[in-house]
Amino acid sequence: MNVFSCKDASRMVSESIDRPLTLRERLTLRMHLLMCSFCTRFSRQLRFLRRAAEHFSRAHQDSSSAPDETLSVEARQRIRRALSDG
């Protein structure tokens, strides 16, 4: 069983969100994550973002908890100024 490079590991972590990994992929990825703190951190961050997106999606499906999505006049003016100055 060969060990993934960080590039391969990050791709596999990303793919694991969209599809189930094969046993071989899971084992190889797990071996890499045991040795690489950077990829482990990336994996944790990606899982956090996925949970946050799912939570946000569920909150917006419930109309009673959906935030008011309109901007105040002042906020719109600040955005216009920032865009025109940029």
N, C-alpha and C. Protein backbone atom coordinates (compact mmCIF):
# COMPACT_ATOMS: atom_id res chain seq x y z
N MET A 1 0.85 -1.17 0.00
CA MET A 1 0.00 0.00 0.00
C MET A 1 0.90 1.23 0.00
N ASN A 2 0.78 2.06 -1.05
CA ASN A 2 1.61 3.26 -1.09
C ASN A 2 0.95 4.41 -0.35
N VAL A 3 1.77 5.34 0.15
CA VAL A 3 1.27 6.47 0.92
C VAL A 3 1.07 7.65 -0.02
N PHE A 4 -0.05 8.33 0.13
CA PHE A 4 -0.37 9.48 -0.71
C PHE A 4 0.59 10.62 -0.44
N SER A 5 0.77 11.45 -1.47
CA SER A 5 1.42 12.74 -1.25
C SER A 5 0.36 13.66 -0.64
N CYS A 6 0.79 14.82 -0.18
CA CYS A 6 -0.18 15.77 0.39
C CYS A 6 -1.20 16.20 -0.67
N LYS A 7 -0.75 16.35 -1.88
CA LYS A 7 -1.67 16.73 -2.97
C LYS A 7 -2.73 15.65 -3.16
N ASP A 8 -2.30 14.39 -3.19
CA ASP A 8 -3.25 13.29 -3.34
C ASP A 8 -4.18 13.19 -2.13
N ALA A 9 -3.62 13.39 -0.95
CA ALA A 9 -4.42 13.28 0.28
C ALA A 9 -5.49 14.37 0.33
N SER A 10 -5.12 15.61 -0.02
CA SER A 10 -6.11 16.69 0.02
C SER A 10 -7.20 16.46 -1.02
N ARG A 11 -6.83 15.93 -2.18
CA ARG A 11 -7.84 15.60 -3.20
C ARG A 11 -8.78 14.52 -2.68
N MET A 12 -8.21 13.52 -2.02
CA MET A 12 -9.02 12.42 -1.52
C MET A 12 -9.94 12.88 -0.39
N VAL A 13 -9.45 13.77 0.48
CA VAL A 13 -10.29 14.32 1.54
C VAL A 13 -11.48 15.05 0.91
N SER A 14 -11.21 15.83 -0.12
CA SER A 14 -12.28 16.55 -0.81
C SER A 14 -13.26 15.58 -1.47
N GLU A 15 -12.74 14.57 -2.10
CA GLU A 15 -13.61 13.59 -2.76
C GLU A 15 -14.47 12.83 -1.76
N SER A 16 -13.97 12.66 -0.55
CA SER A 16 -14.72 11.89 0.45
C SER A 16 -16.03 12.58 0.83
N ILE A 17 -16.14 13.86 0.53
CA ILE A 17 -17.38 14.57 0.79
C ILE A 17 -18.44 14.19 -0.23
N ASP A 18 -18.01 13.93 -1.46
CA ASP A 18 -18.94 13.67 -2.55
C ASP A 18 -19.25 12.20 -2.78
N ARG A 19 -18.35 11.35 -2.33
CA ARG A 19 -18.56 9.92 -2.57
C ARG A 19 -17.88 9.11 -1.48
N PRO A 20 -18.39 7.90 -1.25
CA PRO A 20 -17.71 7.03 -0.28
C PRO A 20 -16.37 6.57 -0.85
N LEU A 21 -15.36 6.56 -0.03
CA LEU A 21 -14.05 6.09 -0.47
C LEU A 21 -14.00 4.57 -0.39
N THR A 22 -13.17 3.99 -1.24
CA THR A 22 -12.98 2.54 -1.18
C THR A 22 -12.18 2.23 0.09
N LEU A 23 -12.17 0.99 0.47
CA LEU A 23 -11.42 0.57 1.66
C LEU A 23 -9.95 0.93 1.50
N ARG A 24 -9.39 0.66 0.34
CA ARG A 24 -7.98 0.97 0.09
C ARG A 24 -7.72 2.47 0.22
N GLU A 25 -8.61 3.29 -0.36
CA GLU A 25 -8.46 4.74 -0.27
C GLU A 25 -8.53 5.22 1.18
N ARG A 26 -9.50 4.69 1.92
CA ARG A 26 -9.64 5.09 3.33
C ARG A 26 -8.41 4.74 4.14
N LEU A 27 -7.89 3.53 3.95
CA LEU A 27 -6.71 3.09 4.71
C LEU A 27 -5.48 3.91 4.35
N THR A 28 -5.28 4.14 3.07
CA THR A 28 -4.12 4.91 2.63
C THR A 28 -4.22 6.35 3.11
N LEU A 29 -5.40 6.93 3.02
CA LEU A 29 -5.61 8.29 3.50
C LEU A 29 -5.39 8.36 5.01
N ARG A 30 -5.91 7.40 5.73
CA ARG A 30 -5.75 7.40 7.18
C ARG A 30 -4.28 7.30 7.57
N MET A 31 -3.52 6.50 6.85
CA MET A 31 -2.07 6.40 7.13
C MET A 31 -1.40 7.74 6.91
N HIS A 32 -1.77 8.42 5.83
CA HIS A 32 -1.18 9.72 5.55
C HIS A 32 -1.56 10.72 6.64
N LEU A 33 -2.83 10.72 7.04
CA LEU A 33 -3.28 11.67 8.06
C LEU A 33 -2.60 11.43 9.41
N LEU A 34 -2.24 10.20 9.69
CA LEU A 34 -1.53 9.90 10.94
C LEU A 34 -0.14 10.52 10.95
N MET A 35 0.44 10.70 9.76
CA MET A 35 1.80 11.23 9.67
C MET A 35 1.86 12.72 9.34
N CYS A 36 0.77 13.29 8.85
CA CYS A 36 0.84 14.66 8.33
C CYS A 36 -0.15 15.57 9.05
N SER A 37 0.38 16.47 9.86
CA SER A 37 -0.50 17.37 10.62
C SER A 37 -1.18 18.39 9.71
N PHE A 38 -0.54 18.75 8.61
CA PHE A 38 -1.13 19.73 7.70
C PHE A 38 -2.40 19.18 7.03
N CYS A 39 -2.31 17.97 6.54
CA CYS A 39 -3.48 17.35 5.89
C CYS A 39 -4.56 17.03 6.91
N THR A 40 -4.15 16.67 8.13
CA THR A 40 -5.12 16.43 9.19
C THR A 40 -5.89 17.71 9.48
N ARG A 41 -5.17 18.83 9.55
CA ARG A 41 -5.82 20.12 9.79
C ARG A 41 -6.76 20.46 8.62
N PHE A 42 -6.32 20.22 7.40
CA PHE A 42 -7.16 20.48 6.23
C PHE A 42 -8.43 19.63 6.30
N SER A 43 -8.29 18.37 6.67
CA SER A 43 -9.45 17.48 6.78
C SER A 43 -10.43 17.98 7.82
N ARG A 44 -9.92 18.41 8.98
CA ARG A 44 -10.79 18.95 10.03
C ARG A 44 -11.50 20.22 9.56
N GLN A 45 -10.77 21.09 8.88
CA GLN A 45 -11.36 22.33 8.40
C GLN A 45 -12.46 22.06 7.36
N LEU A 46 -12.21 21.11 6.49
CA LEU A 46 -13.21 20.78 5.47
C LEU A 46 -14.47 20.19 6.10
N ARG A 47 -14.29 19.32 7.10
CA ARG A 47 -15.45 18.76 7.81
C ARG A 47 -16.22 19.86 8.54
N PHE A 48 -15.50 20.80 9.15
CA PHE A 48 -16.15 21.92 9.83
C PHE A 48 -16.97 22.75 8.83
N LEU A 49 -16.39 23.06 7.68
CA LEU A 49 -17.10 23.84 6.67
C LEU A 49 -18.34 23.11 6.17
N ARG A 50 -18.22 21.80 6.02
CA ARG A 50 -19.38 21.02 5.57
C ARG A 50 -20.50 21.07 6.60
N ARG A 51 -20.15 20.88 7.88
CA ARG A 51 -21.17 20.93 8.93
C ARG A 51 -21.79 22.32 9.02
N ALA A 52 -20.98 23.35 8.88
CA ALA A 52 -21.49 24.72 8.93
C ALA A 52 -22.43 24.99 7.77
N ALA A 53 -22.08 24.52 6.58
CA ALA A 53 -22.95 24.71 5.42
C ALA A 53 -24.26 23.96 5.58
N GLU A 54 -24.19 22.75 6.12
CA GLU A 54 -25.42 21.98 6.35
C GLU A 54 -26.30 22.68 7.38
N HIS A 55 -25.68 23.19 8.43
CA HIS A 55 -26.42 23.91 9.47
C HIS A 55 -27.07 25.16 8.89
N PHE A 56 -26.33 25.91 8.12
CA PHE A 56 -26.84 27.13 7.49
C PHE A 56 -27.99 26.79 6.55
N SER A 57 -27.85 25.72 5.80
CA SER A 57 -28.90 25.30 4.87
C SER A 57 -30.18 24.93 5.62
N ARG A 58 -30.03 24.17 6.71
CA ARG A 58 -31.20 23.78 7.50
C ARG A 58 -31.86 25.00 8.12
N ALA A 59 -31.06 25.94 8.59
CA ALA A 59 -31.61 27.14 9.22
C ALA A 59 -32.40 27.96 8.21
N HIS A 60 -31.95 27.99 6.97
CA HIS A 60 -32.65 28.76 5.96
C HIS A 60 -33.90 28.05 5.45
N GLN A 61 -33.96 26.75 5.59
CA GLN A 61 -35.16 26.03 5.19
C GLN A 61 -36.30 26.30 6.15
N ASP A 62 -35.97 26.57 7.38
CA ASP A 62 -36.97 26.90 8.39
C ASP A 62 -37.20 28.40 8.33
N SER A 63 -38.33 28.82 7.79
CA SER A 63 -38.57 30.25 7.56
C SER A 63 -38.61 31.05 8.86
N SER A 64 -38.94 30.42 9.96
CA SER A 64 -39.01 31.16 11.22
C SER A 64 -37.63 31.54 11.73
N SER A 65 -36.59 30.79 11.35
CA SER A 65 -35.26 31.11 11.84
C SER A 65 -34.40 31.78 10.77
N ALA A 66 -34.97 32.01 9.58
CA ALA A 66 -34.19 32.65 8.51
C ALA A 66 -33.98 34.12 8.84
N PRO A 67 -32.74 34.59 8.71
CA PRO A 67 -32.49 36.00 9.01
C PRO A 67 -33.07 36.90 7.94
N ASP A 68 -33.29 38.16 8.31
CA ASP A 68 -33.76 39.14 7.34
C ASP A 68 -32.63 39.39 6.34
N GLU A 69 -32.90 39.16 5.07
CA GLU A 69 -31.85 39.23 4.08
C GLU A 69 -31.80 40.56 3.35
N THR A 70 -32.46 41.59 3.86
CA THR A 70 -32.40 42.89 3.21
C THR A 70 -31.36 43.75 3.91
N LEU A 71 -30.70 44.58 3.13
CA LEU A 71 -29.70 45.48 3.69
C LEU A 71 -30.33 46.83 3.99
N SER A 72 -29.81 47.46 4.99
CA SER A 72 -30.28 48.81 5.30
C SER A 72 -29.79 49.77 4.23
N VAL A 73 -30.43 50.92 4.15
CA VAL A 73 -30.03 51.94 3.18
C VAL A 73 -28.58 52.34 3.42
N GLU A 74 -28.20 52.48 4.69
CA GLU A 74 -26.83 52.87 5.02
C GLU A 74 -25.83 51.82 4.55
N ALA A 75 -26.16 50.56 4.74
CA ALA A 75 -25.27 49.49 4.31
C ALA A 75 -25.10 49.50 2.79
N ARG A 76 -26.19 49.70 2.08
CA ARG A 76 -26.11 49.77 0.61
C ARG A 76 -25.23 50.93 0.17
N GLN A 77 -25.36 52.07 0.84
CA GLN A 77 -24.55 53.23 0.49
C GLN A 77 -23.07 52.97 0.76
N ARG A 78 -22.76 52.31 1.88
CA ARG A 78 -21.37 51.99 2.19
C ARG A 78 -20.79 51.05 1.14
N ILE A 79 -21.57 50.09 0.71
CA ILE A 79 -21.10 49.14 -0.31
C ILE A 79 -20.86 49.88 -1.63
N ARG A 80 -21.80 50.73 -2.02
CA ARG A 80 -21.64 51.50 -3.26
C ARG A 80 -20.36 52.35 -3.22
N ARG A 81 -20.16 53.03 -2.09
CA ARG A 81 -18.95 53.87 -1.93
C ARG A 81 -17.69 53.04 -2.03
N ALA A 82 -17.69 51.90 -1.35
CA ALA A 82 -16.52 51.04 -1.36
C ALA A 82 -16.22 50.52 -2.77
N LEU A 83 -17.27 50.18 -3.51
CA LEU A 83 -17.08 49.68 -4.88
C LEU A 83 -16.61 50.79 -5.80
N SER A 84 -17.13 51.97 -5.65
CA SER A 84 -16.73 53.06 -6.53
C SER A 84 -15.33 53.58 -6.19
N ASP A 85 -14.90 53.47 -4.91
CA ASP A 85 -13.57 53.90 -4.52
C ASP A 85 -12.50 52.90 -4.93
N GLY A 86 -12.89 51.65 -5.05
CA GLY A 86 -11.95 50.58 -5.31
C GLY A 86 -11.47 50.54 -6.68
